[in-house]
Structure formats: structure tokens, C-alpha cells
């Protein structure tokens, strides 16, 4: 058997289906457009297909990185 050992990279994985707020969203499972929207996912009201919500940015704990300022060198 052949196993793919290359690491997964999101940039090379292609298009990802996601719920996009403010746009016409059609369910990939049944083609309807009625959604129950939660905090992290949106669920189709007809077939219960769940999609992650793509709000254009990151959220949650650890989404911001604070770097320390450069310290002056001691003489």
C-alpha cells in the first residue's frame, strides 16, 4: 500500500465549503437556502448539513500574538 506522508497544508488543499454571512448560501447537500446559524457553524434547516462559518478572520483564544519589544543591549 502507498501512504501519502506529505504534510497537510491548507493553502494547497483547494476550495473549502463554508457558510459566508451576508451572501446567498446554498446547501451543498440538498440545494436549499434556509439555515440555523450558531456561533461556529451554520446548519441546513432541511437536511442538517453543517458548515463552518467563514467570517473573514480568526477568533477565539490565542488569535492574537503579542511580541515583546526589542530590549536594548547592555553595555
PDB file of N, CA and C in Angstrom:
ATOM      1  N   UNK A   1       0.828  -1.182   0.000  1.00  0.00           N
ATOM      2  CA  UNK A   1       0.000   0.000   0.000  1.00  0.00           C
ATOM      3  C   UNK A   1       0.872   1.245   0.000  1.00  0.00           C
ATOM      4  N   UNK A   2       0.359   2.284  -0.589  1.00  0.00           N
ATOM      5  CA  UNK A   2       1.053   3.564  -0.623  1.00  0.00           C
ATOM      6  C   UNK A   2       0.364   4.537   0.319  1.00  0.00           C
ATOM      7  N   UNK A   3       1.123   5.120   1.229  1.00  0.00           N
ATOM      8  CA  UNK A   3       0.582   6.115   2.147  1.00  0.00           C
ATOM      9  C   UNK A   3       1.207   7.467   1.842  1.00  0.00           C
ATOM     10  N   UNK A   4       0.371   8.467   1.751  1.00  0.00           N
ATOM     11  CA  UNK A   4       0.853   9.809   1.498  1.00  0.00           C
ATOM     12  C   UNK A   4       1.429  10.375   2.795  1.00  0.00           C
ATOM     13  N   UNK A   5       2.709  10.680   2.801  1.00  0.00           N
ATOM     14  CA  UNK A   5       3.357  11.183   4.003  1.00  0.00           C
ATOM     15  C   UNK A   5       3.646  12.674   3.940  1.00  0.00           C
ATOM     16  N   UNK A   6       3.194  13.351   2.890  1.00  0.00           N
ATOM     17  CA  UNK A   6       3.418  14.789   2.807  1.00  0.00           C
ATOM     18  C   UNK A   6       2.524  15.497   3.817  1.00  0.00           C
ATOM     19  N   UNK A   7       3.028  16.547   4.453  1.00  0.00           N
ATOM     20  CA  UNK A   7       2.219  17.248   5.458  1.00  0.00           C
ATOM     21  C   UNK A   7       1.056  18.003   4.814  1.00  0.00           C
ATOM     22  N   UNK A   8      -0.030  18.105   5.548  1.00  0.00           N
ATOM     23  CA  UNK A   8      -1.207  18.821   5.075  1.00  0.00           C
ATOM     24  C   UNK A   8      -0.959  20.312   5.179  1.00  0.00           C
ATOM     25  N   UNK A   9      -1.235  21.031   4.112  1.00  0.00           N
ATOM     26  CA  UNK A   9      -1.160  22.490   4.135  1.00  0.00           C
ATOM     27  C   UNK A   9      -2.468  23.035   3.583  1.00  0.00           C
ATOM     28  N   UNK A  10      -3.080  23.948   4.326  1.00  0.00           N
ATOM     29  CA  UNK A  10      -4.371  24.487   3.932  1.00  0.00           C
ATOM     30  C   UNK A  10      -4.299  25.246   2.612  1.00  0.00           C
ATOM     31  N   UNK A  11      -3.168  25.891   2.331  1.00  0.00           N
ATOM     32  CA  UNK A  11      -3.040  26.662   1.100  1.00  0.00           C
ATOM     33  C   UNK A  11      -3.079  25.771  -0.134  1.00  0.00           C
ATOM     34  N   UNK A  12      -2.654  24.531  -0.013  1.00  0.00           N
ATOM     35  CA  UNK A  12      -2.618  23.624  -1.156  1.00  0.00           C
ATOM     36  C   UNK A  12      -3.821  22.695  -1.229  1.00  0.00           C
ATOM     37  N   UNK A  13      -4.768  22.826  -0.306  1.00  0.00           N
ATOM     38  CA  UNK A  13      -5.867  21.872  -0.258  1.00  0.00           C
ATOM     39  C   UNK A  13      -7.048  22.266  -1.131  1.00  0.00           C
ATOM     40  N   UNK A  14      -7.085  23.478  -1.656  1.00  0.00           N
ATOM     41  CA  UNK A  14      -8.164  23.867  -2.554  1.00  0.00           C
ATOM     42  C   UNK A  14      -9.308  24.583  -1.866  1.00  0.00           C
ATOM     43  N   UNK A  15     -10.423  24.680  -2.563  1.00  0.00           N
ATOM     44  CA  UNK A  15     -11.593  25.410  -2.084  1.00  0.00           C
ATOM     45  C   UNK A  15     -12.248  24.678  -0.925  1.00  0.00           C
ATOM     46  N   UNK A  16     -12.661  25.408   0.082  1.00  0.00           N
ATOM     47  CA  UNK A  16     -13.347  24.830   1.234  1.00  0.00           C
ATOM     48  C   UNK A  16     -14.762  25.365   1.289  1.00  0.00           C
ATOM     49  N   UNK A  17     -15.708  24.476   1.397  1.00  0.00           N
ATOM     50  CA  UNK A  17     -17.104  24.885   1.513  1.00  0.00           C
ATOM     51  C   UNK A  17     -17.312  25.467   2.896  1.00  0.00           C
ATOM     52  N   UNK A  18     -17.909  26.666   2.967  1.00  0.00           N
ATOM     53  CA  UNK A  18     -18.160  27.321   4.244  1.00  0.00           C
ATOM     54  C   UNK A  18     -19.372  28.225   4.098  1.00  0.00           C
ATOM     55  N   UNK A  19     -20.026  28.504   5.219  1.00  0.00           N
ATOM     56  CA  UNK A  19     -21.136  29.448   5.252  1.00  0.00           C
ATOM     57  C   UNK A  19     -20.541  30.844   5.303  1.00  0.00           C
ATOM     58  N   UNK A  20     -20.962  31.711   4.383  1.00  0.00           N
ATOM     59  CA  UNK A  20     -20.441  33.071   4.326  1.00  0.00           C
ATOM     60  C   UNK A  20     -21.557  34.059   4.658  1.00  0.00           C
ATOM     61  N   UNK A  21     -21.487  34.692   5.849  1.00  0.00           N
ATOM     62  CA  UNK A  21     -22.524  35.649   6.237  1.00  0.00           C
ATOM     63  C   UNK A  21     -22.622  36.801   5.228  1.00  0.00           C
ATOM     64  N   UNK A  22     -23.837  37.225   4.968  1.00  0.00           N
ATOM     65  CA  UNK A  22     -24.062  38.333   4.049  1.00  0.00           C
ATOM     66  C   UNK A  22     -24.126  37.927   2.589  1.00  0.00           C
ATOM     67  N   UNK A  23     -23.995  36.645   2.292  1.00  0.00           N
ATOM     68  CA  UNK A  23     -24.059  36.153   0.918  1.00  0.00           C
ATOM     69  C   UNK A  23     -25.165  35.122   0.788  1.00  0.00           C
ATOM     70  N   UNK A  24     -25.552  34.822  -0.455  1.00  0.00           N
ATOM     71  CA  UNK A  24     -26.514  33.762  -0.728  1.00  0.00           C
ATOM     72  C   UNK A  24     -25.803  32.430  -0.526  1.00  0.00           C
ATOM     73  N   UNK A  25     -26.209  31.662   0.463  1.00  0.00           N
ATOM     74  CA  UNK A  25     -25.589  30.378   0.763  1.00  0.00           C
ATOM     75  C   UNK A  25     -26.546  29.253   0.410  1.00  0.00           C
ATOM     76  N   UNK A  26     -26.108  28.381  -0.476  1.00  0.00           N
ATOM     77  CA  UNK A  26     -26.913  27.232  -0.891  1.00  0.00           C
ATOM     78  C   UNK A  26     -26.291  25.984  -0.279  1.00  0.00           C
ATOM     79  N   UNK A  27     -27.131  25.145   0.298  1.00  0.00           N
ATOM     80  CA  UNK A  27     -26.656  23.928   0.947  1.00  0.00           C
ATOM     81  C   UNK A  27     -26.037  22.981  -0.091  1.00  0.00           C
ATOM     82  N   UNK A  28     -24.820  22.489   0.163  1.00  0.00           N
ATOM     83  CA  UNK A  28     -24.218  21.537  -0.770  1.00  0.00           C
ATOM     84  C   UNK A  28     -24.886  20.165  -0.727  1.00  0.00           C
ATOM     85  N   UNK A  29     -25.662  19.894   0.331  1.00  0.00           N
ATOM     86  CA  UNK A  29     -26.317  18.599   0.462  1.00  0.00           C
ATOM     87  C   UNK A  29     -27.649  18.512  -0.262  1.00  0.00           C
ATOM     88  N   UNK A  30     -28.486  19.582  -0.152  1.00  0.00           N
ATOM     89  CA  UNK A  30     -29.832  19.487  -0.717  1.00  0.00           C
ATOM     90  C   UNK A  30     -30.203  20.660  -1.631  1.00  0.00           C
ATOM     91  N   UNK A  31     -29.408  21.720  -1.650  1.00  0.00           N
ATOM     92  CA  UNK A  31     -29.681  22.837  -2.542  1.00  0.00           C
ATOM     93  C   UNK A  31     -30.613  23.895  -1.969  1.00  0.00           C
ATOM     94  N   UNK A  32     -31.078  23.721  -0.745  1.00  0.00           N
ATOM     95  CA  UNK A  32     -31.960  24.711  -0.116  1.00  0.00           C
ATOM     96  C   UNK A  32     -31.118  25.860   0.450  1.00  0.00           C
ATOM     97  N   UNK A  33     -31.797  26.914   0.913  1.00  0.00           N
ATOM     98  CA  UNK A  33     -31.046  28.061   1.422  1.00  0.00           C
ATOM     99  C   UNK A  33     -31.589  28.577   2.754  1.00  0.00           C
ATOM    100  N   UNK A  34     -32.102  27.691   3.599  1.00  0.00           N
ATOM    101  CA  UNK A  34     -32.575  28.061   4.935  1.00  0.00           C
ATOM    102  C   UNK A  34     -31.607  27.492   5.956  1.00  0.00           C
ATOM    103  N   UNK A  35     -31.088  28.363   6.844  1.00  0.00           N
ATOM    104  CA  UNK A  35     -30.022  27.976   7.749  1.00  0.00           C
ATOM    105  C   UNK A  35     -30.353  28.303   9.194  1.00  0.00           C
ATOM    106  N   UNK A  36     -29.882  27.477  10.101  1.00  0.00           N
ATOM    107  CA  UNK A  36     -29.878  27.761  11.535  1.00  0.00           C
ATOM    108  C   UNK A  36     -28.436  28.125  11.856  1.00  0.00           C
ATOM    109  N   UNK A  37     -28.217  29.366  12.272  1.00  0.00           N
ATOM    110  CA  UNK A  37     -26.864  29.869  12.435  1.00  0.00           C
ATOM    111  C   UNK A  37     -26.485  29.904  13.913  1.00  0.00           C
ATOM    112  N   UNK A  38     -25.356  29.304  14.223  1.00  0.00           N
ATOM    113  CA  UNK A  38     -24.826  29.303  15.581  1.00  0.00           C
ATOM    114  C   UNK A  38     -23.585  30.169  15.664  1.00  0.00           C
ATOM    115  N   UNK A  39     -22.772  29.938  16.681  1.00  0.00           N
ATOM    116  CA  UNK A  39     -21.548  30.729  16.858  1.00  0.00           C
ATOM    117  C   UNK A  39     -20.431  30.279  15.943  1.00  0.00           C
ATOM    118  N   UNK A  40     -20.309  28.973  15.722  1.00  0.00           N
ATOM    119  CA  UNK A  40     -19.199  28.436  14.937  1.00  0.00           C
ATOM    120  C   UNK A  40     -19.641  27.770  13.635  1.00  0.00           C
ATOM    121  N   UNK A  41     -20.896  27.281  13.593  1.00  0.00           N
ATOM    122  CA  UNK A  41     -21.374  26.577  12.411  1.00  0.00           C
ATOM    123  C   UNK A  41     -22.769  27.053  12.032  1.00  0.00           C
ATOM    124  N   UNK A  42     -23.109  26.793  10.787  1.00  0.00           N
ATOM    125  CA  UNK A  42     -24.461  27.017  10.296  1.00  0.00           C
ATOM    126  C   UNK A  42     -24.987  25.666   9.822  1.00  0.00           C
ATOM    127  N   UNK A  43     -26.236  25.340  10.178  1.00  0.00           N
ATOM    128  CA  UNK A  43     -26.809  24.042   9.842  1.00  0.00           C
ATOM    129  C   UNK A  43     -28.001  24.231   8.921  1.00  0.00           C
ATOM    130  N   UNK A  44     -28.065  23.438   7.865  1.00  0.00           N
ATOM    131  CA  UNK A  44     -29.187  23.494   6.932  1.00  0.00           C
ATOM    132  C   UNK A  44     -30.457  23.067   7.658  1.00  0.00           C
ATOM    133  N   UNK A  45     -31.518  23.848   7.502  1.00  0.00           N
ATOM    134  CA  UNK A  45     -32.779  23.552   8.183  1.00  0.00           C
ATOM    135  C   UNK A  45     -33.501  22.359   7.561  1.00  0.00           C
ATOM    136  N   UNK A  46     -33.110  21.935   6.365  1.00  0.00           N
ATOM    137  CA  UNK A  46     -33.777  20.825   5.691  1.00  0.00           C
ATOM    138  C   UNK A  46     -33.064  19.493   5.879  1.00  0.00           C
ATOM    139  N   UNK A  47     -31.750  19.468   5.654  1.00  0.00           N
ATOM    140  CA  UNK A  47     -31.046  18.175   5.688  1.00  0.00           C
ATOM    141  C   UNK A  47     -30.005  18.088   6.795  1.00  0.00           C
ATOM    142  N   UNK A  48     -29.842  19.147   7.601  1.00  0.00           N
ATOM    143  CA  UNK A  48     -28.929  19.178   8.748  1.00  0.00           C
ATOM    144  C   UNK A  48     -27.453  19.118   8.370  1.00  0.00           C
ATOM    145  N   UNK A  49     -27.110  19.505   7.143  1.00  0.00           N
ATOM    146  CA  UNK A  49     -25.705  19.617   6.780  1.00  0.00           C
ATOM    147  C   UNK A  49     -25.116  20.802   7.523  1.00  0.00           C
ATOM    148  N   UNK A  50     -24.005  20.590   8.216  1.00  0.00           N
ATOM    149  CA  UNK A  50     -23.371  21.663   8.993  1.00  0.00           C
ATOM    150  C   UNK A  50     -22.139  22.172   8.254  1.00  0.00           C
ATOM    151  N   UNK A  51     -22.010  23.499   8.206  1.00  0.00           N
ATOM    152  CA  UNK A  51     -20.861  24.141   7.578  1.00  0.00           C
ATOM    153  C   UNK A  51     -20.206  25.091   8.574  1.00  0.00           C
ATOM    154  N   UNK A  52     -18.883  25.193   8.536  1.00  0.00           N
ATOM    155  CA  UNK A  52     -18.230  26.189   9.390  1.00  0.00           C
ATOM    156  C   UNK A  52     -18.546  27.589   8.878  1.00  0.00           C
ATOM    157  N   UNK A  53     -18.618  28.549   9.780  1.00  0.00           N
ATOM    158  CA  UNK A  53     -18.898  29.928   9.385  1.00  0.00           C
ATOM    159  C   UNK A  53     -17.584  30.608   9.043  1.00  0.00           C
ATOM    160  N   UNK A  54     -17.518  31.166   7.850  1.00  0.00           N
ATOM    161  CA  UNK A  54     -16.337  31.896   7.399  1.00  0.00           C
ATOM    162  C   UNK A  54     -16.641  33.375   7.538  1.00  0.00           C
ATOM    163  N   UNK A  55     -16.132  33.992   8.602  1.00  0.00           N
ATOM    164  CA  UNK A  55     -16.405  35.402   8.813  1.00  0.00           C
ATOM    165  C   UNK A  55     -15.239  36.287   8.428  1.00  0.00           C
ATOM    166  N   UNK A  56     -14.274  35.748   7.717  1.00  0.00           N
ATOM    167  CA  UNK A  56     -13.186  36.550   7.193  1.00  0.00           C
ATOM    168  C   UNK A  56     -12.029  36.799   8.129  1.00  0.00           C
ATOM    169  N   UNK A  57     -12.018  36.198   9.287  1.00  0.00           N
ATOM    170  CA  UNK A  57     -10.912  36.418  10.212  1.00  0.00           C
ATOM    171  C   UNK A  57     -10.872  35.344  11.267  1.00  0.00           C
ATOM    172  N   UNK A  58      -9.873  35.409  12.090  1.00  0.00           N
ATOM    173  CA  UNK A  58      -9.762  34.423  13.156  1.00  0.00           C
ATOM    174  C   UNK A  58     -10.400  34.955  14.424  1.00  0.00           C
ATOM    175  N   UNK A  59     -10.790  34.043  15.287  1.00  0.00           N
ATOM    176  CA  UNK A  59     -11.433  34.421  16.530  1.00  0.00           C
ATOM    177  C   UNK A  59     -11.106  33.382  17.576  1.00  0.00           C
ATOM    178  N   UNK A  60     -11.352  33.729  18.819  1.00  0.00           N
ATOM    179  CA  UNK A  60     -11.128  32.779  19.888  1.00  0.00           C
ATOM    180  C   UNK A  60      -9.841  33.050  20.639  1.00  0.00           C
ATOM    181  N   UNK A  61      -9.587  32.230  21.623  1.00  0.00           N
ATOM    182  CA  UNK A  61      -8.404  32.394  22.449  1.00  0.00           C
ATOM    183  C   UNK A  61      -7.149  32.127  21.631  1.00  0.00           C
ATOM    184  N   UNK A  62      -6.159  32.964  21.812  1.00  0.00           N
ATOM    185  CA  UNK A  62      -4.889  32.764  21.108  1.00  0.00           C
ATOM    186  C   UNK A  62      -4.876  33.261  19.687  1.00  0.00           C
ATOM    187  N   UNK A  63      -5.874  34.051  19.280  1.00  0.00           N
ATOM    188  CA  UNK A  63      -5.893  34.509  17.895  1.00  0.00           C
ATOM    189  C   UNK A  63      -5.014  35.726  17.670  1.00  0.00           C
ATOM    190  N   UNK A  64      -4.514  36.325  18.751  1.00  0.00           N
ATOM    191  CA  UNK A  64      -3.625  37.471  18.623  1.00  0.00           C
ATOM    192  C   UNK A  64      -2.275  37.113  19.218  1.00  0.00           C
ATOM    193  N   UNK A  65      -1.247  37.510  18.563  1.00  0.00           N
ATOM    194  CA  UNK A  65       0.097  37.236  19.062  1.00  0.00           C
ATOM    195  C   UNK A  65       0.727  38.561  19.478  1.00  0.00           C
ATOM    196  N   UNK A  66       1.192  38.608  20.683  1.00  0.00           N
ATOM    197  CA  UNK A  66       1.852  39.800  21.206  1.00  0.00           C
ATOM    198  C   UNK A  66       3.327  39.494  21.282  1.00  0.00           C
ATOM    199  N   UNK A  67       4.124  40.314  20.619  1.00  0.00           N
ATOM    200  CA  UNK A  67       5.562  40.094  20.668  1.00  0.00           C
ATOM    201  C   UNK A  67       6.194  41.083  21.648  1.00  0.00           C
ATOM    202  N   UNK A  68       7.269  40.657  22.246  1.00  0.00           N
ATOM    203  CA  UNK A  68       7.971  41.529  23.170  1.00  0.00           C
ATOM    204  C   UNK A  68       8.761  42.556  22.364  1.00  0.00           C
ATOM    205  N   UNK A  69       8.835  43.766  22.918  1.00  0.00           N
ATOM    206  CA  UNK A  69       9.621  44.806  22.264  1.00  0.00           C
ATOM    207  C   UNK A  69      11.096  44.440  22.365  1.00  0.00           C
ATOM    208  N   UNK A  70      11.860  44.904  21.386  1.00  0.00           N
ATOM    209  CA  UNK A  70      13.294  44.644  21.410  1.00  0.00           C
ATOM    210  C   UNK A  70      13.926  45.321  22.614  1.00  0.00           C
ATOM    211  N   UNK A  71      14.660  44.568  23.348  1.00  0.00           N
ATOM    212  CA  UNK A  71      15.316  45.097  24.538  1.00  0.00           C
ATOM    213  C   UNK A  71      16.674  45.674  24.143  1.00  0.00           C
ATOM    214  N   UNK A  72      17.046  46.819  24.729  1.00  0.00           N
ATOM    215  CA  UNK A  72      18.361  47.387  24.390  1.00  0.00           C
ATOM    216  C   UNK A  72      19.480  46.495  24.919  1.00  0.00           C
ATOM    217  N   UNK A  73      20.566  46.470  24.219  1.00  0.00           N
ATOM    218  CA  UNK A  73      21.712  45.652  24.623  1.00  0.00           C
ATOM    219  C   UNK A  73      22.414  46.314  25.787  1.00  0.00           C
ATOM    220  N   UNK A  74      22.828  45.526  26.753  1.00  0.00           N
ATOM    221  CA  UNK A  74      23.556  46.058  27.913  1.00  0.00           C
ATOM    222  C   UNK A  74      24.991  46.364  27.500  1.00  0.00           C
ATOM    223  N   UNK A  75      25.483  47.473  27.980  1.00  0.00           N
ATOM    224  CA  UNK A  75      26.849  47.869  27.611  1.00  0.00           C
ATOM    225  C   UNK A  75      27.882  47.275  28.524  1.00  0.00           C
TER     226      UNK A  75
END
